[in-house]
Structure formats: structure tokens, C-alpha cells
C-alpha atoms as a PDB file:
ATOM      1  CA  MET A   1      17.582 -25.668  27.910  1.00  0.00           C
ATOM      2  CA  PRO A   2      17.454 -27.687  24.680  1.00  0.00           C
ATOM      3  CA  SER A   3      17.643 -31.448  24.933  1.00  0.00           C
ATOM      4  CA  TYR A   4      21.116 -32.916  24.734  1.00  0.00           C
ATOM      5  CA  THR A   5      22.926 -36.222  24.413  1.00  0.00           C
ATOM      6  CA  ILE A   6      26.225 -37.260  25.968  1.00  0.00           C
ATOM      7  CA  LYS A   7      28.073 -39.983  24.124  1.00  0.00           C
ATOM      8  CA  GLN A   8      31.490 -41.423  23.524  1.00  0.00           C
ATOM      9  CA  ILE A   9      33.180 -39.755  20.559  1.00  0.00           C
ATOM     10  CA  THR A  10      36.422 -40.194  18.619  1.00  0.00           C
ATOM     11  CA  ILE A  11      39.510 -38.128  19.184  1.00  0.00           C
ATOM     12  CA  GLU A  12      39.107 -36.737  15.672  1.00  0.00           C
ATOM     13  CA  GLU A  13      35.705 -35.360  16.694  1.00  0.00           C
ATOM     14  CA  ALA A  14      37.103 -33.860  19.906  1.00  0.00           C
ATOM     15  CA  LEU A  15      40.143 -32.120  18.413  1.00  0.00           C
ATOM     16  CA  PRO A  16      38.402 -29.225  16.599  1.00  0.00           C
ATOM     17  CA  ILE A  17      36.585 -28.117  19.763  1.00  0.00           C
ATOM     18  CA  ARG A  18      39.704 -28.460  21.899  1.00  0.00           C
ATOM     19  CA  HIS A  19      41.544 -26.329  19.374  1.00  0.00           C
ATOM     20  CA  LYS A  20      38.910 -23.632  18.936  1.00  0.00           C
ATOM     21  CA  VAL A  21      38.284 -23.193  22.676  1.00  0.00           C
ATOM     22  CA  MET A  22      41.631 -23.833  24.341  1.00  0.00           C
ATOM     23  CA  TRP A  23      44.460 -22.818  22.038  1.00  0.00           C
ATOM     24  CA  PRO A  24      43.040 -21.218  18.857  1.00  0.00           C
ATOM     25  CA  ASN A  25      46.301 -19.447  18.047  1.00  0.00           C
ATOM     26  CA  GLU A  26      48.280 -22.691  17.953  1.00  0.00           C
ATOM     27  CA  THR A  27      48.163 -25.537  15.458  1.00  0.00           C
ATOM     28  CA  ILE A  28      45.596 -28.274  16.022  1.00  0.00           C
ATOM     29  CA  ASP A  29      48.451 -30.637  16.889  1.00  0.00           C
ATOM     30  CA  TYR A  30      49.097 -28.465  19.969  1.00  0.00           C
ATOM     31  CA  VAL A  31      45.879 -29.813  21.541  1.00  0.00           C
ATOM     32  CA  ARG A  32      46.605 -33.425  20.612  1.00  0.00           C
ATOM     33  CA  LEU A  33      47.961 -35.571  23.453  1.00  0.00           C
ATOM     34  CA  PRO A  34      50.426 -38.429  22.939  1.00  0.00           C
ATOM     35  CA  GLU A  35      48.113 -40.651  24.991  1.00  0.00           C
ATOM     36  CA  ASP A  36      44.865 -39.694  23.189  1.00  0.00           C
ATOM     37  CA  ASP A  37      44.605 -43.205  21.727  1.00  0.00           C
ATOM     38  CA  GLU A  38      44.470 -44.603  25.277  1.00  0.00           C
ATOM     39  CA  GLY A  39      41.725 -42.236  26.468  1.00  0.00           C
ATOM     40  CA  THR A  40      37.971 -42.295  26.243  1.00  0.00           C
ATOM     41  CA  HIS A  41      36.512 -39.148  24.749  1.00  0.00           C
ATOM     42  CA  TYR A  42      33.032 -37.842  25.467  1.00  0.00           C
ATOM     43  CA  GLY A  43      30.944 -35.142  23.883  1.00  0.00           C
ATOM     44  CA  LEU A  44      27.766 -33.247  24.626  1.00  0.00           C
ATOM     45  CA  ILE A  45      25.584 -32.883  21.542  1.00  0.00           C
ATOM     46  CA  ILE A  46      22.685 -30.501  20.916  1.00  0.00           C
ATOM     47  CA  ASP A  47      20.692 -30.780  17.679  1.00  0.00           C
ATOM     48  CA  SER A  48      23.402 -33.042  16.210  1.00  0.00           C
ATOM     49  CA  ASN A  49      26.061 -30.382  16.969  1.00  0.00           C
ATOM     50  CA  LEU A  50      28.984 -31.298  19.207  1.00  0.00           C
ATOM     51  CA  ILE A  51      29.335 -28.390  21.640  1.00  0.00           C
ATOM     52  CA  ALA A  52      31.492 -29.700  24.513  1.00  0.00           C
ATOM     53  CA  VAL A  53      34.212 -32.344  24.882  1.00  0.00           C
ATOM     54  CA  ILE A  54      36.200 -34.015  27.631  1.00  0.00           C
ATOM     55  CA  SER A  55      38.737 -36.854  27.630  1.00  0.00           C
ATOM     56  CA  LEU A  56      39.121 -39.424  30.396  1.00  0.00           C
ATOM     57  CA  PHE A  57      42.335 -41.347  31.001  1.00  0.00           C
ATOM     58  CA  LYS A  58      42.041 -44.273  33.416  1.00  0.00           C
ATOM     59  CA  LYS A  59      45.057 -45.757  35.134  1.00  0.00           C
ATOM     60  CA  GLY A  60      44.282 -48.477  37.645  1.00  0.00           C
ATOM     61  CA  LYS A  61      41.646 -47.183  40.060  1.00  0.00           C
ATOM     62  CA  GLU A  62      42.266 -43.537  39.199  1.00  0.00           C
ATOM     63  CA  ALA A  63      41.456 -41.331  36.227  1.00  0.00           C
ATOM     64  CA  GLN A  64      42.471 -37.944  34.946  1.00  0.00           C
ATOM     65  CA  PHE A  65      40.179 -35.843  32.810  1.00  0.00           C
ATOM     66  CA  ARG A  66      41.823 -33.558  30.321  1.00  0.00           C
ATOM     67  CA  LYS A  67      41.036 -31.158  27.523  1.00  0.00           C
ATOM     68  CA  PHE A  68      37.612 -30.193  28.856  1.00  0.00           C
ATOM     69  CA  ALA A  69      36.207 -27.574  26.483  1.00  0.00           C
ATOM     70  CA  THR A  70      32.824 -26.034  25.677  1.00  0.00           C
ATOM     71  CA  LEU A  71      32.299 -23.837  22.627  1.00  0.00           C
ATOM     72  CA  HIS A  72      32.316 -20.185  23.705  1.00  0.00           C
ATOM     73  CA  GLU A  73      28.743 -19.491  22.614  1.00  0.00           C
ATOM     74  CA  TYR A  74      27.506 -22.299  24.907  1.00  0.00           C
ATOM     75  CA  GLN A  75      29.607 -21.411  27.964  1.00  0.00           C
ATOM     76  CA  GLY A  76      27.840 -20.227  31.100  1.00  0.00           C
ATOM     77  CA  LYS A  77      24.655 -22.142  30.231  1.00  0.00           C
ATOM     78  CA  GLY A  78      25.250 -25.277  32.285  1.00  0.00           C
ATOM     79  CA  TYR A  79      26.454 -27.627  29.540  1.00  0.00           C
ATOM     80  CA  GLY A  80      29.958 -27.996  30.935  1.00  0.00           C
ATOM     81  CA  THR A  81      28.460 -28.805  34.323  1.00  0.00           C
ATOM     82  CA  ILE A  82      26.260 -31.482  32.755  1.00  0.00           C
ATOM     83  CA  LEU A  83      29.223 -33.052  30.948  1.00  0.00           C
ATOM     84  CA  LEU A  84      31.515 -32.983  33.987  1.00  0.00           C
ATOM     85  CA  ASN A  85      28.762 -34.468  36.183  1.00  0.00           C
ATOM     86  CA  ALA A  86      28.481 -37.291  33.635  1.00  0.00           C
ATOM     87  CA  ILE A  87      32.237 -37.912  33.914  1.00  0.00           C
ATOM     88  CA  MET A  88      32.014 -37.940  37.726  1.00  0.00           C
ATOM     89  CA  ASN A  89      29.203 -40.501  37.463  1.00  0.00           C
ATOM     90  CA  ILE A  90      31.273 -42.638  35.080  1.00  0.00           C
ATOM     91  CA  ALA A  91      34.158 -42.526  37.565  1.00  0.00           C
ATOM     92  CA  ALA A  92      31.881 -43.573  40.431  1.00  0.00           C
ATOM     93  CA  GLU A  93      30.211 -46.338  38.369  1.00  0.00           C
ATOM     94  CA  ASN A  94      33.646 -47.718  37.483  1.00  0.00           C
ATOM     95  CA  ASN A  95      34.556 -47.816  41.193  1.00  0.00           C
ATOM     96  CA  LEU A  96      37.443 -45.425  40.722  1.00  0.00           C
ATOM     97  CA  THR A  97      38.970 -44.146  43.937  1.00  0.00           C
ATOM     98  CA  ARG A  98      40.147 -40.786  42.587  1.00  0.00           C
ATOM     99  CA  ILE A  99      39.621 -38.453  39.665  1.00  0.00           C
ATOM    100  CA  TRP A 100      41.865 -35.464  39.046  1.00  0.00           C
ATOM    101  CA  CYS A 101      42.732 -32.735  36.573  1.00  0.00           C
ATOM    102  CA  ASN A 102      45.215 -30.002  35.834  1.00  0.00           C
ATOM    103  CA  ALA A 103      42.915 -27.031  36.426  1.00  0.00           C
ATOM    104  CA  ARG A 104      43.626 -23.557  35.181  1.00  0.00           C
ATOM    105  CA  THR A 105      43.793 -21.567  38.402  1.00  0.00           C
ATOM    106  CA  SER A 106      41.142 -19.226  36.997  1.00  0.00           C
ATOM    107  CA  LYS A 107      38.708 -22.189  36.970  1.00  0.00           C
ATOM    108  CA  THR A 108      39.254 -23.612  40.470  1.00  0.00           C
ATOM    109  CA  ASN A 109      35.918 -22.296  41.792  1.00  0.00           C
ATOM    110  CA  PHE A 110      34.127 -24.140  38.978  1.00  0.00           C
ATOM    111  CA  TYR A 111      35.813 -27.450  39.830  1.00  0.00           C
ATOM    112  CA  ALA A 112      35.161 -26.957  43.548  1.00  0.00           C
ATOM    113  CA  LYS A 113      31.429 -27.288  42.757  1.00  0.00           C
ATOM    114  CA  PHE A 114      32.142 -30.943  41.892  1.00  0.00           C
ATOM    115  CA  ASN A 115      33.694 -31.683  45.298  1.00  0.00           C
ATOM    116  CA  MET A 116      37.173 -31.350  43.850  1.00  0.00           C
ATOM    117  CA  GLN A 117      39.892 -30.198  46.232  1.00  0.00           C
ATOM    118  CA  LEU A 118      43.037 -28.192  45.579  1.00  0.00           C
ATOM    119  CA  THR A 119      46.341 -30.009  45.943  1.00  0.00           C
ATOM    120  CA  PRO A 120      49.667 -28.264  46.640  1.00  0.00           C
ATOM    121  CA  VAL A 121      50.895 -29.039  43.101  1.00  0.00           C
ATOM    122  CA  GLU A 122      50.996 -25.927  40.913  1.00  0.00           C
ATOM    123  CA  PHE A 123      52.720 -25.285  37.591  1.00  0.00           C
ATOM    124  CA  ILE A 124      52.787 -23.015  34.557  1.00  0.00           C
ATOM    125  CA  LYS A 125      52.172 -24.219  31.000  1.00  0.00           C
ATOM    126  CA  GLY A 126      51.850 -22.022  27.946  1.00  0.00           C
ATOM    127  CA  GLY A 127      52.019 -18.957  30.164  1.00  0.00           C
ATOM    128  CA  LEU A 128      48.968 -20.056  32.202  1.00  0.00           C
ATOM    129  CA  ASN A 129      48.876 -21.032  35.877  1.00  0.00           C
ATOM    130  CA  TYR A 130      47.572 -24.483  36.774  1.00  0.00           C
ATOM    131  CA  VAL A 131      46.901 -26.438  39.949  1.00  0.00           C
ATOM    132  CA  ILE A 132      46.082 -30.122  40.318  1.00  0.00           C
ATOM    133  CA  MET A 133      42.607 -30.671  41.729  1.00  0.00           C
ATOM    134  CA  GLU A 134      41.228 -34.016  42.826  1.00  0.00           C
ATOM    135  CA  ARG A 135      38.149 -35.784  44.093  1.00  0.00           C
ATOM    136  CA  ASN A 136      38.363 -38.973  46.115  1.00  0.00           C
ATOM    137  CA  PHE A 137      35.475 -41.428  45.925  1.00  0.00           C
ATOM    138  CA  HIS A 138      36.357 -43.964  48.625  1.00  0.00           C
END
């Protein structure tokens, strides 16, 4: 595996990857969140190329991660796992009590590897099925 760096990035850096991976048939504004200015955005970089992004939104002692995306050609190689582990570590270091996400139901097994649990809250957005998953730290 090539060496990588994880660092805080701007929303403008995150948007193109969100768009390309998550909703390529929509406009780029479709992947922009009203609260993006309040979030902290992180990226995984290989050879100065941003290949994966995730956004963290803290509220009190909890945080939600959103818009987690890895470029298709890098998926299945462990980079998303590295980035999500970094976010879990950030949550723990900040003494958060809970981290959660709106997981596509097709990805619940992936999130379960991070000690995230299914909640009973399910919904449909953009024709896709989602479930809220969470991890409690304390």
C-alpha cells in the first residue's frame, strides 16, 4: 500500500469527490450540505492526490459523519477503512460519547466493522435505503 496522509481539507476540496462517487448524475450542489460550513472535512491523500473524503459534524458530545466517499479506483483497498478509523480516533480523542451516520443499507456490514450498531431508524432518500448506525464511546 502506498504511503498516505490524512489531513483536514476545505469543503471545496471535498465536493468534487463527493460528487463523482456519490451522485455523479446530479449537479455538484446536490452533494453540498447546508451545514458544510460548520463541519470539519478530512481527506486521505496519496502522492498529492485526494482520493477519499469524509465530513464530521460535532454537536455537543456527539458527532455525525457524512458524505464519506472514496474514488472508485481506490475502493476495496483499505483506504476508506483507514480514513474512518482516523475519524473514530478523532471522536475518541475529543471525548465524544457517540458518533453516528446515515448508512446506505448496502454498506451496513462495512460500518459494523467499526463497532457501529444498527438503530431502528430507517428511511429512503434519492431512491436509496438508509439506516442510522451509531457507536457509543462511554
